[in-house]
């Protein structure tokens, strides 16, 4: 029983890894000829890589999105990556003229999306290889023009009394497209109308793994160095916080230092021989006289007869 469970788990893992290893290949979002779309990719790149500075400035300011992306990518490859002069694809042009051109001659790759196709080719530049990727989307104008030409051709034969069934029987074709399709496509191609339109161009220099690792290491060192410098600066700022209280504390008002002057001597009370103004003293002395008169047996002294005229201090 235990071995059975182990076998089931191993089988599930094997199926999971096999499914994850499978690369889902999407169908073409629209019909296109691989050789023709690769040739168009080379043509677009050559046409934008060999223009004057005036035209480049015009495309960057007033051009469409595809034109701006093409000029930016080419300038970055030349100015930043220093790839040198681009390959002109002369060998490919000769092979196309001789009818021997193949997609593998430029190492072309195709990536299919839901509504786009990305074509990537290699340009053997002077100093470094360059990858050129162009994203294509379906061109509705092509199919409208295609149907119009097919309908007009069929209408021409019907005007002469030749129906579609008669044409198919005579030529042995299965459809009208089989009869005139190639001619209509050639006519549209001569007018510059293709089943797809370029939407974006990306031009990237090709770096080896060792160069990428070295560049990544350099970026890491620069990033870590910047972080440490910032941390040291923050630590220095924090260390200055201890001086903030003294900096913002209110300063005491500085009083003017007065010159040393002798303290004023309290003046002694002026001697006054006449003590009659001291009411308390008069009252005390009067009371003492009353008491003394009473003790001597001479009788009480009347308040009316006793009048204190003056009181003088007796000097000894």
C-alpha atoms as a PDB file:
ATOM      1  CA  UNK A   1       0.000   0.000   0.000  1.00  0.00           C
ATOM      2  CA  UNK A   2       2.819   2.360   0.875  1.00  0.00           C
ATOM      3  CA  UNK A   3       4.633   1.650  -2.394  1.00  0.00           C
ATOM      4  CA  UNK A   4       1.443   2.384  -4.288  1.00  0.00           C
ATOM      5  CA  UNK A   5       1.141   5.817  -2.705  1.00  0.00           C
ATOM      6  CA  UNK A   6       4.766   6.599  -3.502  1.00  0.00           C
ATOM      7  CA  UNK A   7       4.234   5.527  -7.117  1.00  0.00           C
ATOM      8  CA  UNK A   8       1.181   7.801  -7.420  1.00  0.00           C
ATOM      9  CA  UNK A   9       3.060  10.785  -6.004  1.00  0.00           C
ATOM     10  CA  UNK A  10       6.027  10.191  -8.343  1.00  0.00           C
ATOM     11  CA  UNK A  11       3.689   9.893 -11.315  1.00  0.00           C
ATOM     12  CA  UNK A  12       1.911  13.142 -10.453  1.00  0.00           C
ATOM     13  CA  UNK A  13       5.248  14.959 -10.143  1.00  0.00           C
ATOM     14  CA  UNK A  14       6.417  13.582 -13.480  1.00  0.00           C
ATOM     15  CA  UNK A  15       3.236  14.723 -15.216  1.00  0.00           C
ATOM     16  CA  UNK A  16       3.481  18.168 -13.598  1.00  0.00           C
ATOM     17  CA  UNK A  17       7.096  18.682 -14.695  1.00  0.00           C
ATOM     18  CA  UNK A  18       6.372  17.423 -18.200  1.00  0.00           C
ATOM     19  CA  UNK A  19       3.484  19.865 -18.548  1.00  0.00           C
ATOM     20  CA  UNK A  20       5.527  22.762 -17.202  1.00  0.00           C
ATOM     21  CA  UNK A  21       8.345  21.925 -19.603  1.00  0.00           C
ATOM     22  CA  UNK A  22       6.063  22.059 -22.625  1.00  0.00           C
ATOM     23  CA  UNK A  23       6.142  25.343 -24.506  1.00  0.00           C
ATOM     24  CA  UNK A  24       2.694  26.321 -25.612  1.00  0.00           C
ATOM     25  CA  UNK A  25       2.937  27.360 -29.245  1.00  0.00           C
ATOM     26  CA  UNK A  26       0.227  29.782 -30.277  1.00  0.00           C
ATOM     27  CA  UNK A  27      -1.278  29.793 -33.723  1.00  0.00           C
ATOM     28  CA  UNK A  28      -0.770  32.658 -36.116  1.00  0.00           C
ATOM     29  CA  UNK A  29      -3.056  35.590 -35.225  1.00  0.00           C
ATOM     30  CA  UNK A  30      -3.261  36.323 -38.977  1.00  0.00           C
ATOM     31  CA  UNK A  31      -1.879  34.798 -42.121  1.00  0.00           C
ATOM     32  CA  UNK A  32       1.539  35.918 -43.306  1.00  0.00           C
ATOM     33  CA  UNK A  33       4.444  34.600 -45.338  1.00  0.00           C
ATOM     34  CA  UNK A  34       7.512  34.072 -43.139  1.00  0.00           C
ATOM     35  CA  UNK A  35      10.014  34.962 -45.847  1.00  0.00           C
ATOM     36  CA  UNK A  36       8.144  38.103 -46.827  1.00  0.00           C
ATOM     37  CA  UNK A  37       7.726  39.359 -43.245  1.00  0.00           C
ATOM     38  CA  UNK A  38      11.456  38.803 -42.590  1.00  0.00           C
ATOM     39  CA  UNK A  39      12.314  40.741 -45.736  1.00  0.00           C
ATOM     40  CA  UNK A  40       9.998  43.544 -44.614  1.00  0.00           C
ATOM     41  CA  UNK A  41      11.720  43.586 -41.214  1.00  0.00           C
ATOM     42  CA  UNK A  42      15.122  44.058 -42.838  1.00  0.00           C
ATOM     43  CA  UNK A  43      13.728  46.745 -45.130  1.00  0.00           C
ATOM     44  CA  UNK A  44      12.217  48.729 -42.249  1.00  0.00           C
ATOM     45  CA  UNK A  45      15.473  48.604 -40.302  1.00  0.00           C
ATOM     46  CA  UNK A  46      17.659  49.647 -43.236  1.00  0.00           C
ATOM     47  CA  UNK A  47      15.328  52.506 -44.196  1.00  0.00           C
ATOM     48  CA  UNK A  48      15.452  54.055 -40.677  1.00  0.00           C
ATOM     49  CA  UNK A  49      19.129  53.343 -39.948  1.00  0.00           C
ATOM     50  CA  UNK A  50      20.335  55.223 -43.022  1.00  0.00           C
ATOM     51  CA  UNK A  51      18.735  58.656 -42.637  1.00  0.00           C
ATOM     52  CA  UNK A  52      20.096  62.132 -41.934  1.00  0.00           C
ATOM     53  CA  UNK A  53      19.997  63.845 -38.565  1.00  0.00           C
ATOM     54  CA  UNK A  54      17.292  66.238 -39.820  1.00  0.00           C
ATOM     55  CA  UNK A  55      14.956  63.382 -40.689  1.00  0.00           C
ATOM     56  CA  UNK A  56      15.754  61.652 -37.379  1.00  0.00           C
ATOM     57  CA  UNK A  57      14.774  64.787 -35.451  1.00  0.00           C
ATOM     58  CA  UNK A  58      11.587  65.070 -37.487  1.00  0.00           C
ATOM     59  CA  UNK A  59      10.583  61.469 -36.765  1.00  0.00           C
ATOM     60  CA  UNK A  60      11.303  61.914 -33.040  1.00  0.00           C
ATOM     61  CA  UNK A  61       9.125  65.014 -32.764  1.00  0.00           C
ATOM     62  CA  UNK A  62       6.376  64.595 -35.370  1.00  0.00           C
ATOM     63  CA  UNK A  63       6.641  60.946 -36.392  1.00  0.00           C
ATOM     64  CA  UNK A  64       4.298  58.080 -35.574  1.00  0.00           C
ATOM     65  CA  UNK A  65       4.852  55.693 -32.662  1.00  0.00           C
ATOM     66  CA  UNK A  66       6.641  53.116 -34.826  1.00  0.00           C
ATOM     67  CA  UNK A  67       8.947  55.737 -36.365  1.00  0.00           C
ATOM     68  CA  UNK A  68       9.846  57.163 -32.951  1.00  0.00           C
ATOM     69  CA  UNK A  69      10.616  53.717 -31.506  1.00  0.00           C
ATOM     70  CA  UNK A  70      12.796  52.861 -34.520  1.00  0.00           C
ATOM     71  CA  UNK A  71      14.879  56.047 -34.293  1.00  0.00           C
ATOM     72  CA  UNK A  72      15.272  55.774 -30.506  1.00  0.00           C
ATOM     73  CA  UNK A  73      16.419  52.151 -30.706  1.00  0.00           C
ATOM     74  CA  UNK A  74      18.922  52.828 -33.490  1.00  0.00           C
ATOM     75  CA  UNK A  75      20.355  55.892 -31.722  1.00  0.00           C
ATOM     76  CA  UNK A  76      20.734  53.994 -28.462  1.00  0.00           C
ATOM     77  CA  UNK A  77      22.600  51.178 -30.212  1.00  0.00           C
ATOM     78  CA  UNK A  78      24.957  53.660 -31.863  1.00  0.00           C
ATOM     79  CA  UNK A  79      25.506  56.163 -29.044  1.00  0.00           C
ATOM     80  CA  UNK A  80      25.210  54.042 -25.895  1.00  0.00           C
ATOM     81  CA  UNK A  81      26.201  50.520 -26.956  1.00  0.00           C
ATOM     82  CA  UNK A  82      28.742  51.702 -29.571  1.00  0.00           C
ATOM     83  CA  UNK A  83      27.892  48.884 -31.993  1.00  0.00           C
ATOM     84  CA  UNK A  84      29.482  50.640 -34.970  1.00  0.00           C
ATOM     85  CA  UNK A  85      28.259  50.505 -38.553  1.00  0.00           C
ATOM     86  CA  UNK A  86      25.280  48.250 -39.216  1.00  0.00           C
ATOM     87  CA  UNK A  87      25.249  45.395 -41.691  1.00  0.00           C
ATOM     88  CA  UNK A  88      23.474  46.333 -44.939  1.00  0.00           C
ATOM     89  CA  UNK A  89      22.257  42.769 -45.661  1.00  0.00           C
ATOM     90  CA  UNK A  90      23.919  42.751 -49.085  1.00  0.00           C
ATOM     91  CA  UNK A  91      24.340  38.967 -48.996  1.00  0.00           C
ATOM     92  CA  UNK A  92      20.663  38.562 -48.194  1.00  0.00           C
ATOM     93  CA  UNK A  93      19.733  40.885 -51.049  1.00  0.00           C
ATOM     94  CA  UNK A  94      21.782  38.797 -53.481  1.00  0.00           C
ATOM     95  CA  UNK A  95      20.199  35.614 -52.170  1.00  0.00           C
ATOM     96  CA  UNK A  96      16.738  37.117 -52.619  1.00  0.00           C
ATOM     97  CA  UNK A  97      17.575  38.142 -56.172  1.00  0.00           C
ATOM     98  CA  UNK A  98      18.718  34.589 -56.905  1.00  0.00           C
ATOM     99  CA  UNK A  99      15.731  33.088 -55.125  1.00  0.00           C
ATOM    100  CA  UNK A 100      17.890  31.265 -52.581  1.00  0.00           C
ATOM    101  CA  UNK A 101      17.178  33.402 -49.520  1.00  0.00           C
ATOM    102  CA  UNK A 102      16.068  31.531 -46.416  1.00  0.00           C
ATOM    103  CA  UNK A 103      14.822  32.725 -43.054  1.00  0.00           C
ATOM    104  CA  UNK A 104      17.711  30.986 -41.299  1.00  0.00           C
ATOM    105  CA  UNK A 105      20.182  33.313 -43.073  1.00  0.00           C
ATOM    106  CA  UNK A 106      19.354  36.068 -40.566  1.00  0.00           C
ATOM    107  CA  UNK A 107      18.546  33.747 -37.640  1.00  0.00           C
ATOM    108  CA  UNK A 108      14.917  34.914 -37.659  1.00  0.00           C
ATOM    109  CA  UNK A 109      12.599  34.081 -34.764  1.00  0.00           C
ATOM    110  CA  UNK A 110       8.827  34.432 -34.539  1.00  0.00           C
ATOM    111  CA  UNK A 111       6.710  35.067 -31.449  1.00  0.00           C
ATOM    112  CA  UNK A 112       2.935  34.899 -31.698  1.00  0.00           C
ATOM    113  CA  UNK A 113       0.610  36.804 -29.401  1.00  0.00           C
ATOM    114  CA  UNK A 114      -3.142  37.056 -29.272  1.00  0.00           C
ATOM    115  CA  UNK A 115      -3.255  39.793 -31.914  1.00  0.00           C
ATOM    116  CA  UNK A 116       0.376  40.389 -32.916  1.00  0.00           C
ATOM    117  CA  UNK A 117       3.485  38.768 -34.352  1.00  0.00           C
ATOM    118  CA  UNK A 118       7.009  39.747 -33.284  1.00  0.00           C
ATOM    119  CA  UNK A 119       9.823  39.043 -35.738  1.00  0.00           C
ATOM    120  CA  UNK A 120      13.422  39.125 -34.467  1.00  0.00           C
ATOM    121  CA  UNK A 121      16.485  39.085 -36.721  1.00  0.00           C
ATOM    122  CA  UNK A 122      20.221  39.512 -36.140  1.00  0.00           C
ATOM    123  CA  UNK A 123      22.331  42.315 -37.625  1.00  0.00           C
ATOM    124  CA  UNK A 124      26.076  41.673 -37.608  1.00  0.00           C
ATOM    125  CA  UNK A 125      27.191  45.214 -36.797  1.00  0.00           C
ATOM    126  CA  UNK A 126      30.828  46.363 -36.845  1.00  0.00           C
ATOM    127  CA  UNK A 127      31.597  46.034 -33.112  1.00  0.00           C
ATOM    128  CA  UNK A 128      28.745  43.937 -31.766  1.00  0.00           C
ATOM    129  CA  UNK A 129      25.756  41.965 -33.021  1.00  0.00           C
ATOM    130  CA  UNK A 130      22.365  43.627 -32.730  1.00  0.00           C
ATOM    131  CA  UNK A 131      18.910  42.132 -32.278  1.00  0.00           C
ATOM    132  CA  UNK A 132      16.123  43.827 -34.236  1.00  0.00           C
ATOM    133  CA  UNK A 133      12.569  43.047 -33.157  1.00  0.00           C
ATOM    134  CA  UNK A 134       9.487  44.448 -34.888  1.00  0.00           C
ATOM    135  CA  UNK A 135       5.973  43.902 -33.616  1.00  0.00           C
ATOM    136  CA  UNK A 136       3.334  43.520 -36.349  1.00  0.00           C
ATOM    137  CA  UNK A 137      -0.447  43.749 -36.061  1.00  0.00           C
ATOM    138  CA  UNK A 138      -3.127  42.878 -38.557  1.00  0.00           C
ATOM    139  CA  UNK A 139      -3.915  45.431 -41.273  1.00  0.00           C
ATOM    140  CA  UNK A 140      -7.680  45.700 -41.905  1.00  0.00           C
ATOM    141  CA  UNK A 141      -7.097  47.802 -45.026  1.00  0.00           C
ATOM    142  CA  UNK A 142      -5.367  44.868 -46.712  1.00  0.00           C
ATOM    143  CA  UNK A 143      -8.357  42.553 -46.430  1.00  0.00           C
ATOM    144  CA  UNK A 144     -10.768  45.276 -47.515  1.00  0.00           C
ATOM    145  CA  UNK A 145      -8.672  45.990 -50.611  1.00  0.00           C
ATOM    146  CA  UNK A 146      -8.253  42.268 -51.261  1.00  0.00           C
ATOM    147  CA  UNK A 147     -11.997  41.638 -51.223  1.00  0.00           C
ATOM    148  CA  UNK A 148     -12.668  44.671 -53.428  1.00  0.00           C
ATOM    149  CA  UNK A 149     -10.209  43.474 -56.084  1.00  0.00           C
ATOM    150  CA  UNK A 150     -11.588  39.956 -56.023  1.00  0.00           C
ATOM    151  CA  UNK A 151     -15.155  41.225 -56.324  1.00  0.00           C
ATOM    152  CA  UNK A 152     -14.281  43.598 -59.168  1.00  0.00           C
ATOM    153  CA  UNK A 153     -12.513  40.803 -61.090  1.00  0.00           C
ATOM    154  CA  UNK A 154     -15.477  38.469 -60.686  1.00  0.00           C
ATOM    155  CA  UNK A 155     -17.879  41.242 -61.701  1.00  0.00           C
ATOM    156  CA  UNK A 156     -15.836  41.816 -64.867  1.00  0.00           C
ATOM    157  CA  UNK A 157     -16.191  38.179 -65.966  1.00  0.00           C
ATOM    158  CA  UNK A 158     -19.884  38.069 -65.045  1.00  0.00           C
ATOM    159  CA  UNK A 159     -20.453  41.152 -67.221  1.00  0.00           C
ATOM    160  CA  UNK A 160     -19.235  39.034 -70.123  1.00  0.00           C
ATOM    161  CA  UNK A 161     -21.550  36.170 -69.160  1.00  0.00           C
ATOM    162  CA  UNK A 162     -18.939  34.050 -67.418  1.00  0.00           C
ATOM    163  CA  UNK A 163     -20.135  32.968 -63.995  1.00  0.00           C
ATOM    164  CA  UNK A 164     -18.071  31.811 -61.003  1.00  0.00           C
ATOM    165  CA  UNK A 165     -19.087  28.167 -61.570  1.00  0.00           C
ATOM    166  CA  UNK A 166     -17.894  28.343 -65.147  1.00  0.00           C
ATOM    167  CA  UNK A 167     -14.536  29.731 -64.051  1.00  0.00           C
ATOM    168  CA  UNK A 168     -14.051  26.996 -61.480  1.00  0.00           C
ATOM    169  CA  UNK A 169     -14.981  24.275 -63.961  1.00  0.00           C
ATOM    170  CA  UNK A 170     -12.716  25.716 -66.637  1.00  0.00           C
ATOM    171  CA  UNK A 171      -9.653  26.165 -64.413  1.00  0.00           C
ATOM    172  CA  UNK A 172     -10.257  23.199 -62.146  1.00  0.00           C
ATOM    173  CA  UNK A 173      -9.726  25.416 -59.092  1.00  0.00           C
ATOM    174  CA  UNK A 174     -11.649  24.966 -55.859  1.00  0.00           C
ATOM    175  CA  UNK A 175     -12.165  28.695 -55.177  1.00  0.00           C
ATOM    176  CA  UNK A 176     -11.834  32.091 -56.808  1.00  0.00           C
ATOM    177  CA  UNK A 177      -8.954  32.920 -54.397  1.00  0.00           C
ATOM    178  CA  UNK A 178      -6.998  30.049 -55.885  1.00  0.00           C
ATOM    179  CA  UNK A 179      -7.390  31.590 -59.340  1.00  0.00           C
ATOM    180  CA  UNK A 180      -6.666  35.247 -58.686  1.00  0.00           C
ATOM    181  CA  UNK A 181      -5.272  35.258 -55.152  1.00  0.00           C
ATOM    182  CA  UNK A 182      -1.614  35.417 -56.131  1.00  0.00           C
ATOM    183  CA  UNK A 183      -2.216  38.216 -58.643  1.00  0.00           C
ATOM    184  CA  UNK A 184      -4.245  40.263 -56.146  1.00  0.00           C
ATOM    185  CA  UNK A 185      -1.572  39.848 -53.472  1.00  0.00           C
ATOM    186  CA  UNK A 186       1.127  40.947 -55.906  1.00  0.00           C
ATOM    187  CA  UNK A 187      -0.960  43.971 -56.895  1.00  0.00           C
ATOM    188  CA  UNK A 188      -1.438  44.986 -53.261  1.00  0.00           C
ATOM    189  CA  UNK A 189       2.253  44.446 -52.514  1.00  0.00           C
ATOM    190  CA  UNK A 190       3.167  46.761 -55.376  1.00  0.00           C
ATOM    191  CA  UNK A 191       0.977  49.402 -53.700  1.00  0.00           C
ATOM    192  CA  UNK A 192       2.703  48.860 -50.339  1.00  0.00           C
ATOM    193  CA  UNK A 193      -0.386  47.280 -48.756  1.00  0.00           C
ATOM    194  CA  UNK A 194       0.539  44.252 -46.629  1.00  0.00           C
ATOM    195  CA  UNK A 195      -1.541  41.987 -44.344  1.00  0.00           C
ATOM    196  CA  UNK A 196       0.259  43.482 -41.347  1.00  0.00           C
ATOM    197  CA  UNK A 197       1.456  46.829 -40.047  1.00  0.00           C
ATOM    198  CA  UNK A 198       4.593  47.546 -37.980  1.00  0.00           C
ATOM    199  CA  UNK A 199       3.702  48.844 -34.536  1.00  0.00           C
ATOM    200  CA  UNK A 200       6.999  48.952 -32.614  1.00  0.00           C
ATOM    201  CA  UNK A 201      10.711  48.396 -33.226  1.00  0.00           C
ATOM    202  CA  UNK A 202      13.222  47.411 -30.550  1.00  0.00           C
ATOM    203  CA  UNK A 203      16.967  47.511 -31.262  1.00  0.00           C
ATOM    204  CA  UNK A 204      19.176  45.883 -28.614  1.00  0.00           C
ATOM    205  CA  UNK A 205      22.880  45.100 -28.568  1.00  0.00           C
ATOM    206  CA  UNK A 206      23.789  41.463 -27.939  1.00  0.00           C
ATOM    207  CA  UNK A 207      26.068  40.932 -24.924  1.00  0.00           C
ATOM    208  CA  UNK A 208      27.795  37.725 -23.892  1.00  0.00           C
ATOM    209  CA  UNK A 209      27.023  36.033 -20.577  1.00  0.00           C
ATOM    210  CA  UNK A 210      30.351  37.115 -19.067  1.00  0.00           C
ATOM    211  CA  UNK A 211      29.664  40.734 -20.040  1.00  0.00           C
ATOM    212  CA  UNK A 212      26.170  40.574 -18.569  1.00  0.00           C
ATOM    213  CA  UNK A 213      27.492  39.090 -15.309  1.00  0.00           C
ATOM    214  CA  UNK A 214      30.201  41.766 -15.081  1.00  0.00           C
ATOM    215  CA  UNK A 215      27.698  44.525 -15.783  1.00  0.00           C
ATOM    216  CA  UNK A 216      25.302  43.106 -13.195  1.00  0.00           C
ATOM    217  CA  UNK A 217      28.118  42.971 -10.624  1.00  0.00           C
ATOM    218  CA  UNK A 218      29.087  46.558 -11.344  1.00  0.00           C
ATOM    219  CA  UNK A 219      25.478  47.687 -10.979  1.00  0.00           C
ATOM    220  CA  UNK A 220      25.253  45.809  -7.689  1.00  0.00           C
ATOM    221  CA  UNK A 221      28.422  47.458  -6.342  1.00  0.00           C
ATOM    222  CA  UNK A 222      27.218  50.899  -7.379  1.00  0.00           C
ATOM    223  CA  UNK A 223      23.827  50.315  -5.791  1.00  0.00           C
ATOM    224  CA  UNK A 224      25.258  48.973  -2.513  1.00  0.00           C
ATOM    225  CA  UNK A 225      27.855  51.752  -2.389  1.00  0.00           C
ATOM    226  CA  UNK A 226      25.146  54.359  -2.837  1.00  0.00           C
ATOM    227  CA  UNK A 227      23.099  52.795  -0.048  1.00  0.00           C
ATOM    228  CA  UNK A 228      26.049  52.769   2.367  1.00  0.00           C
ATOM    229  CA  UNK A 229      26.938  56.375   1.568  1.00  0.00           C
ATOM    230  CA  UNK A 230      23.362  57.439   2.233  1.00  0.00           C
ATOM    231  CA  UNK A 231      23.273  55.471   5.508  1.00  0.00           C
ATOM    232  CA  UNK A 232      26.526  57.068   6.679  1.00  0.00           C
ATOM    233  CA  UNK A 233      25.171  60.501   5.827  1.00  0.00           C
ATOM    234  CA  UNK A 234      21.945  59.774   7.743  1.00  0.00           C
ATOM    235  CA  UNK A 235      23.974  58.574  10.756  1.00  0.00           C
ATOM    236  CA  UNK A 236      25.980  61.800  10.677  1.00  0.00           C
ATOM    237  CA  UNK A 237      22.779  63.849  10.606  1.00  0.00           C
ATOM    238  CA  UNK A 238      21.344  61.865  13.536  1.00  0.00           C
ATOM    239  CA  UNK A 239      24.556  62.409  15.544  1.00  0.00           C
ATOM    240  CA  UNK A 240      23.989  66.163  15.296  1.00  0.00           C
ATOM    241  CA  UNK A 241      20.606  65.933  16.992  1.00  0.00           C
ATOM    242  CA  UNK A 242      22.236  66.171  20.426  1.00  0.00           C
ATOM    243  CA  UNK A 243      23.125  69.778  19.692  1.00  0.00           C
ATOM    244  CA  UNK A 244      19.576  70.778  18.846  1.00  0.00           C
ATOM    245  CA  UNK A 245      18.369  71.452  22.436  1.00  0.00           C
ATOM    246  CA  UNK A 246      21.228  73.872  23.060  1.00  0.00           C
ATOM    247  CA  UNK A 247      20.669  75.479  19.689  1.00  0.00           C
ATOM    248  CA  UNK A 248      16.976  76.148  20.211  1.00  0.00           C
ATOM    249  CA  UNK A 249      17.068  76.854  23.999  1.00  0.00           C
ATOM    250  CA  UNK A 250      16.090  80.405  25.092  1.00  0.00           C
ATOM    251  CA  UNK A 251      19.089  82.480  26.036  1.00  0.00           C
ATOM    252  CA  UNK A 252      18.861  84.229  29.435  1.00  0.00           C
ATOM    253  CA  UNK A 253      18.745  88.005  29.361  1.00  0.00           C
ATOM    254  CA  UNK A 254      22.134  89.457  30.051  1.00  0.00           C
ATOM    255  CA  UNK A 255      21.886  92.037  32.813  1.00  0.00           C
ATOM    256  CA  UNK A 256      24.259  94.885  32.769  1.00  0.00           C
ATOM    257  CA  UNK A 257      26.925  94.512  35.365  1.00  0.00           C
ATOM    258  CA  UNK A 258      26.747  97.512  37.601  1.00  0.00           C
ATOM    259  CA  UNK A 259      29.830  99.044  38.995  1.00  0.00           C
ATOM    260  CA  UNK A 260      30.556  98.294  42.617  1.00  0.00           C
ATOM    261  CA  UNK A 261      29.066 101.089  44.613  1.00  0.00           C
ATOM    262  CA  UNK A 262      29.096 101.249  48.414  1.00  0.00           C
ATOM    263  CA  UNK A 263      25.863 100.106  49.903  1.00  0.00           C
ATOM    264  CA  UNK A 264      23.889 103.021  51.288  1.00  0.00           C
ATOM    265  CA  UNK A 265      24.218 103.265  55.041  1.00  0.00           C
ATOM    266  CA  UNK A 266      20.924 103.483  56.801  1.00  0.00           C
ATOM    267  CA  UNK A 267      20.766 106.789  58.506  1.00  0.00           C
ATOM    268  CA  UNK A 268      20.327 106.630  62.225  1.00  0.00           C
ATOM    269  CA  UNK A 269      17.045 107.966  63.459  1.00  0.00           C
ATOM    270  CA  UNK A 270      17.353 111.519  64.445  1.00  0.00           C
ATOM    271  CA  UNK A 271      17.372 112.034  68.141  1.00  0.00           C
ATOM    272  CA  UNK A 272      14.343 113.826  69.348  1.00  0.00           C
ATOM    273  CA  UNK A 273      14.440 115.104  72.846  1.00  0.00           C
ATOM    274  CA  UNK A 274      10.708 115.833  72.739  1.00  0.00           C
ATOM    275  CA  UNK A 275       8.900 112.557  73.008  1.00  0.00           C
ATOM    276  CA  UNK A 276       5.390 114.008  73.212  1.00  0.00           C
ATOM    277  CA  UNK A 277       4.639 112.887  69.656  1.00  0.00           C
ATOM    278  CA  UNK A 278       4.957 109.249  70.752  1.00  0.00           C
ATOM    279  CA  UNK A 279       1.325 108.542  71.815  1.00  0.00           C
ATOM    280  CA  UNK A 280       2.044 105.069  73.096  1.00  0.00           C
ATOM    281  CA  UNK A 281       4.889 106.271  75.251  1.00  0.00           C
ATOM    282  CA  UNK A 282       2.693 109.032  76.699  1.00  0.00           C
ATOM    283  CA  UNK A 283      -0.012 106.536  77.515  1.00  0.00           C
ATOM    284  CA  UNK A 284       2.427 104.174  79.236  1.00  0.00           C
ATOM    285  CA  UNK A 285       3.977 106.929  81.357  1.00  0.00           C
ATOM    286  CA  UNK A 286       0.558 108.266  82.336  1.00  0.00           C
ATOM    287  CA  UNK A 287      -0.538 104.831  83.431  1.00  0.00           C
ATOM    288  CA  UNK A 288       2.624 104.447  85.482  1.00  0.00           C
ATOM    289  CA  UNK A 289       1.992 107.754  87.229  1.00  0.00           C
ATOM    290  CA  UNK A 290      -1.548 106.660  88.107  1.00  0.00           C
ATOM    291  CA  UNK A 291      -0.257 103.438  89.532  1.00  0.00           C
ATOM    292  CA  UNK A 292       2.486 105.114  91.533  1.00  0.00           C
ATOM    293  CA  UNK A 293       0.074 107.689  93.027  1.00  0.00           C
ATOM    294  CA  UNK A 294      -2.304 104.987  94.070  1.00  0.00           C
ATOM    295  CA  UNK A 295       0.371 102.960  95.845  1.00  0.00           C
ATOM    296  CA  UNK A 296       1.736 105.928  97.758  1.00  0.00           C
ATOM    297  CA  UNK A 297      -1.590 106.502  99.526  1.00  0.00           C
ATOM    298  CA  UNK A 298      -2.006 109.991  98.283  1.00  0.00           C
ATOM    299  CA  UNK A 299      -5.214 109.086  96.603  1.00  0.00           C
ATOM    300  CA  UNK A 300      -6.204 108.636  93.049  1.00  0.00           C
ATOM    301  CA  UNK A 301      -5.108 111.181  90.610  1.00  0.00           C
ATOM    302  CA  UNK A 302      -7.885 112.660  88.519  1.00  0.00           C
ATOM    303  CA  UNK A 303      -7.594 112.520  84.815  1.00  0.00           C
ATOM    304  CA  UNK A 304      -8.712 116.116  84.669  1.00  0.00           C
ATOM    305  CA  UNK A 305      -5.948 117.408  86.926  1.00  0.00           C
ATOM    306  CA  UNK A 306      -3.157 115.269  85.494  1.00  0.00           C
ATOM    307  CA  UNK A 307      -1.826 116.738  82.314  1.00  0.00           C
ATOM    308  CA  UNK A 308       1.426 115.534  80.739  1.00  0.00           C
ATOM    309  CA  UNK A 309       3.063 118.587  79.252  1.00  0.00           C
ATOM    310  CA  UNK A 310       6.253 117.087  77.984  1.00  0.00           C
ATOM    311  CA  UNK A 311       8.408 114.076  78.197  1.00  0.00           C
ATOM    312  CA  UNK A 312      12.168 114.369  77.907  1.00  0.00           C
ATOM    313  CA  UNK A 313      14.843 111.802  77.750  1.00  0.00           C
ATOM    314  CA  UNK A 314      17.175 111.951  80.738  1.00  0.00           C
ATOM    315  CA  UNK A 315      20.817 111.658  79.765  1.00  0.00           C
ATOM    316  CA  UNK A 316      23.000 109.769  82.171  1.00  0.00           C
END
